[in-house]
C-alpha cells in the first residue's frame, strides 16, 4: 500500500527537529503530496453541460482541473 500524505507528514514531524522552519517545509511537501494523490485518484471525469439553446456539450475534466476547482491553485 502506498503511503498517504498524512502518514508521511506524521512520520516526518516525528523524526525531525521541532523548529518552525522545518515543520513549515514539511507541511508544504505534504500538501504537494496530497495534491498529487488527489489528482491521480480523480483521473478523468465526464461532464455534461446543456446550453441555453438545448445543445449538449460533453467534455472530460482531468484531475488537475478537479483539484483547481475544489482546492484552489496548484
N, C-alpha and C. Protein backbone atom coordinates (compact mmCIF):
# COMPACT_ATOMS: atom_id res chain seq x y z
N UNK A 1 0.85 -1.18 0.00
CA UNK A 1 0.00 0.00 0.00
C UNK A 1 0.89 1.24 0.00
N UNK A 2 0.51 2.22 -0.78
CA UNK A 2 1.27 3.48 -0.84
C UNK A 2 1.03 4.29 0.43
N UNK A 3 2.03 5.05 0.77
CA UNK A 3 1.96 5.91 1.95
C UNK A 3 1.09 7.13 1.63
N UNK A 4 0.18 7.46 2.53
CA UNK A 4 -0.65 8.65 2.32
C UNK A 4 0.13 9.89 2.74
N UNK A 5 -0.36 11.04 2.32
CA UNK A 5 0.27 12.30 2.70
C UNK A 5 0.22 12.50 4.22
N UNK A 6 -0.85 12.06 4.85
CA UNK A 6 -0.98 12.20 6.30
C UNK A 6 0.03 11.31 7.03
N UNK A 7 0.18 10.06 6.58
CA UNK A 7 1.16 9.17 7.20
C UNK A 7 2.57 9.74 7.04
N UNK A 8 2.86 10.20 5.85
CA UNK A 8 4.18 10.78 5.57
C UNK A 8 4.43 11.99 6.46
N UNK A 9 3.43 12.88 6.56
CA UNK A 9 3.56 14.08 7.38
C UNK A 9 3.84 13.72 8.84
N UNK A 10 3.07 12.80 9.38
CA UNK A 10 3.28 12.40 10.78
C UNK A 10 4.70 11.89 10.99
N UNK A 11 5.16 11.01 10.11
CA UNK A 11 6.49 10.43 10.27
C UNK A 11 7.58 11.50 10.19
N UNK A 12 7.45 12.42 9.22
CA UNK A 12 8.44 13.49 9.08
C UNK A 12 8.47 14.39 10.31
N UNK A 13 7.29 14.75 10.82
CA UNK A 13 7.25 15.61 12.00
C UNK A 13 7.80 14.88 13.23
N UNK A 14 7.56 13.60 13.31
CA UNK A 14 8.05 12.80 14.43
C UNK A 14 9.57 12.70 14.41
N UNK A 15 10.15 12.54 13.20
CA UNK A 15 11.58 12.29 13.05
C UNK A 15 12.46 13.54 13.01
N UNK A 16 11.89 14.70 12.74
CA UNK A 16 12.70 15.91 12.54
C UNK A 16 12.68 16.83 13.75
N UNK A 17 13.71 17.68 13.84
CA UNK A 17 13.74 18.68 14.92
C UNK A 17 12.47 19.52 14.90
N UNK A 18 12.10 20.00 16.02
CA UNK A 18 10.81 20.69 16.15
C UNK A 18 10.92 22.21 16.01
N UNK A 19 11.61 22.68 14.97
CA UNK A 19 11.65 24.13 14.74
C UNK A 19 10.63 24.49 13.67
N UNK A 20 10.16 25.72 13.70
CA UNK A 20 9.08 26.16 12.83
C UNK A 20 9.42 26.07 11.35
N UNK A 21 10.63 26.41 10.96
CA UNK A 21 11.00 26.39 9.55
C UNK A 21 11.00 24.97 9.00
N UNK A 22 11.50 24.02 9.77
CA UNK A 22 11.50 22.63 9.35
C UNK A 22 10.07 22.13 9.21
N UNK A 23 9.23 22.42 10.19
CA UNK A 23 7.84 21.98 10.14
C UNK A 23 7.09 22.62 8.97
N UNK A 24 7.35 23.88 8.67
CA UNK A 24 6.69 24.54 7.55
C UNK A 24 7.08 23.89 6.23
N UNK A 25 8.36 23.59 6.04
CA UNK A 25 8.82 22.92 4.82
C UNK A 25 8.17 21.54 4.68
N UNK A 26 8.07 20.82 5.78
CA UNK A 26 7.43 19.51 5.75
C UNK A 26 5.95 19.65 5.39
N UNK A 27 5.28 20.66 5.94
CA UNK A 27 3.87 20.90 5.62
C UNK A 27 3.69 21.18 4.13
N UNK A 28 4.54 22.02 3.55
CA UNK A 28 4.45 22.34 2.12
C UNK A 28 4.64 21.07 1.29
N UNK A 29 5.61 20.24 1.66
CA UNK A 29 5.84 18.99 0.95
C UNK A 29 4.64 18.04 1.06
N UNK A 30 4.03 17.99 2.24
CA UNK A 30 2.86 17.13 2.45
C UNK A 30 1.67 17.61 1.62
N UNK A 31 1.48 18.92 1.53
CA UNK A 31 0.38 19.45 0.72
C UNK A 31 0.57 19.10 -0.75
N UNK A 32 1.80 19.17 -1.24
CA UNK A 32 2.07 18.81 -2.62
C UNK A 32 1.83 17.32 -2.84
N UNK A 33 2.23 16.51 -1.89
CA UNK A 33 1.99 15.07 -1.97
C UNK A 33 0.49 14.78 -2.01
N UNK A 34 -0.27 15.47 -1.16
CA UNK A 34 -1.72 15.30 -1.13
C UNK A 34 -2.35 15.72 -2.45
N UNK A 35 -1.88 16.85 -3.00
CA UNK A 35 -2.40 17.32 -4.29
C UNK A 35 -2.20 16.26 -5.36
N UNK A 36 -1.01 15.70 -5.42
CA UNK A 36 -0.72 14.68 -6.43
C UNK A 36 -1.60 13.45 -6.24
N UNK A 37 -1.84 13.07 -4.99
CA UNK A 37 -2.70 11.92 -4.72
C UNK A 37 -4.14 12.19 -5.15
N UNK A 38 -4.63 13.39 -4.90
CA UNK A 38 -5.99 13.75 -5.30
C UNK A 38 -6.12 13.75 -6.82
N UNK A 39 -5.14 14.36 -7.50
CA UNK A 39 -5.16 14.42 -8.97
C UNK A 39 -5.13 13.02 -9.54
N UNK A 40 -4.26 12.17 -9.02
CA UNK A 40 -4.14 10.81 -9.53
C UNK A 40 -5.41 10.00 -9.26
N UNK A 41 -5.99 10.15 -8.08
CA UNK A 41 -7.19 9.40 -7.73
C UNK A 41 -8.39 9.85 -8.55
N UNK A 42 -8.45 11.11 -8.90
CA UNK A 42 -9.59 11.64 -9.63
C UNK A 42 -9.62 11.14 -11.07
N UNK A 43 -8.47 11.09 -11.70
CA UNK A 43 -8.42 10.66 -13.10
C UNK A 43 -9.21 11.60 -13.98
N UNK A 44 -10.04 11.03 -14.84
CA UNK A 44 -10.87 11.82 -15.73
C UNK A 44 -12.34 11.62 -15.37
N UNK A 45 -13.07 12.70 -15.43
CA UNK A 45 -14.49 12.66 -15.12
C UNK A 45 -15.25 13.25 -16.31
N UNK A 46 -16.29 12.58 -16.73
CA UNK A 46 -17.11 13.08 -17.83
C UNK A 46 -18.08 14.11 -17.28
N UNK A 47 -18.14 15.24 -17.92
CA UNK A 47 -19.04 16.32 -17.53
C UNK A 47 -19.96 16.66 -18.68
N UNK A 48 -21.17 16.98 -18.36
CA UNK A 48 -22.16 17.35 -19.36
C UNK A 48 -22.64 18.76 -19.08
N UNK A 49 -22.68 19.57 -20.10
CA UNK A 49 -23.19 20.93 -19.98
C UNK A 49 -24.30 21.09 -21.01
N UNK A 50 -25.43 21.61 -20.60
CA UNK A 50 -26.54 21.86 -21.52
C UNK A 50 -26.64 23.36 -21.71
N UNK A 51 -26.46 23.79 -22.95
CA UNK A 51 -26.50 25.23 -23.26
C UNK A 51 -27.96 25.69 -23.32
N UNK A 52 -28.15 26.99 -23.29
CA UNK A 52 -29.48 27.58 -23.31
C UNK A 52 -30.27 27.19 -24.55
N UNK A 53 -29.57 26.99 -25.67
CA UNK A 53 -30.27 26.63 -26.90
C UNK A 53 -30.54 25.13 -27.00
N UNK A 54 -30.22 24.38 -25.95
CA UNK A 54 -30.50 22.95 -25.92
C UNK A 54 -29.35 22.06 -26.36
N UNK A 55 -28.27 22.66 -26.89
CA UNK A 55 -27.11 21.86 -27.27
C UNK A 55 -26.51 21.22 -26.02
N UNK A 56 -26.03 20.02 -26.19
CA UNK A 56 -25.38 19.32 -25.09
C UNK A 56 -23.90 19.21 -25.40
N UNK A 57 -23.06 19.66 -24.47
CA UNK A 57 -21.62 19.57 -24.62
C UNK A 57 -21.09 18.54 -23.63
N UNK A 58 -20.26 17.65 -24.12
CA UNK A 58 -19.61 16.67 -23.26
C UNK A 58 -18.12 16.96 -23.25
N UNK A 59 -17.51 16.90 -22.11
CA UNK A 59 -16.06 17.09 -22.04
C UNK A 59 -15.51 16.30 -20.86
N UNK A 60 -14.25 16.03 -20.92
CA UNK A 60 -13.58 15.32 -19.83
C UNK A 60 -12.82 16.32 -18.98
N UNK A 61 -13.00 16.20 -17.68
CA UNK A 61 -12.28 17.05 -16.73
C UNK A 61 -11.18 16.18 -16.14
N UNK A 62 -9.94 16.64 -16.23
CA UNK A 62 -8.86 15.84 -15.66
C UNK A 62 -8.67 16.16 -14.19
N UNK A 63 -7.78 15.41 -13.55
CA UNK A 63 -7.54 15.58 -12.12
C UNK A 63 -7.03 16.96 -11.74
N UNK A 64 -6.21 17.56 -12.61
CA UNK A 64 -5.69 18.91 -12.33
C UNK A 64 -6.84 19.92 -12.28
N UNK A 65 -7.77 19.83 -13.23
CA UNK A 65 -8.92 20.74 -13.24
C UNK A 65 -9.77 20.53 -11.99
N UNK A 66 -10.00 19.28 -11.63
CA UNK A 66 -10.78 18.96 -10.43
C UNK A 66 -10.13 19.59 -9.19
N UNK A 67 -8.82 19.45 -9.06
CA UNK A 67 -8.12 19.99 -7.89
C UNK A 67 -8.26 21.50 -7.83
N UNK A 68 -8.02 22.17 -8.97
CA UNK A 68 -8.12 23.64 -9.01
C UNK A 68 -9.52 24.10 -8.60
N UNK A 69 -10.55 23.44 -9.11
CA UNK A 69 -11.93 23.85 -8.82
C UNK A 69 -12.32 23.61 -7.36
N UNK A 70 -11.75 22.57 -6.75
CA UNK A 70 -12.17 22.22 -5.41
C UNK A 70 -11.22 22.64 -4.30
N UNK A 71 -9.95 22.84 -4.63
CA UNK A 71 -8.95 23.15 -3.60
C UNK A 71 -8.15 24.39 -3.89
N UNK A 72 -8.34 25.03 -5.01
CA UNK A 72 -7.61 26.25 -5.32
C UNK A 72 -6.47 26.03 -6.27
N UNK A 73 -5.54 26.95 -6.26
CA UNK A 73 -4.42 26.92 -7.20
C UNK A 73 -3.52 25.72 -6.95
N UNK A 74 -2.82 25.34 -8.01
CA UNK A 74 -1.86 24.23 -7.91
C UNK A 74 -0.54 24.77 -7.46
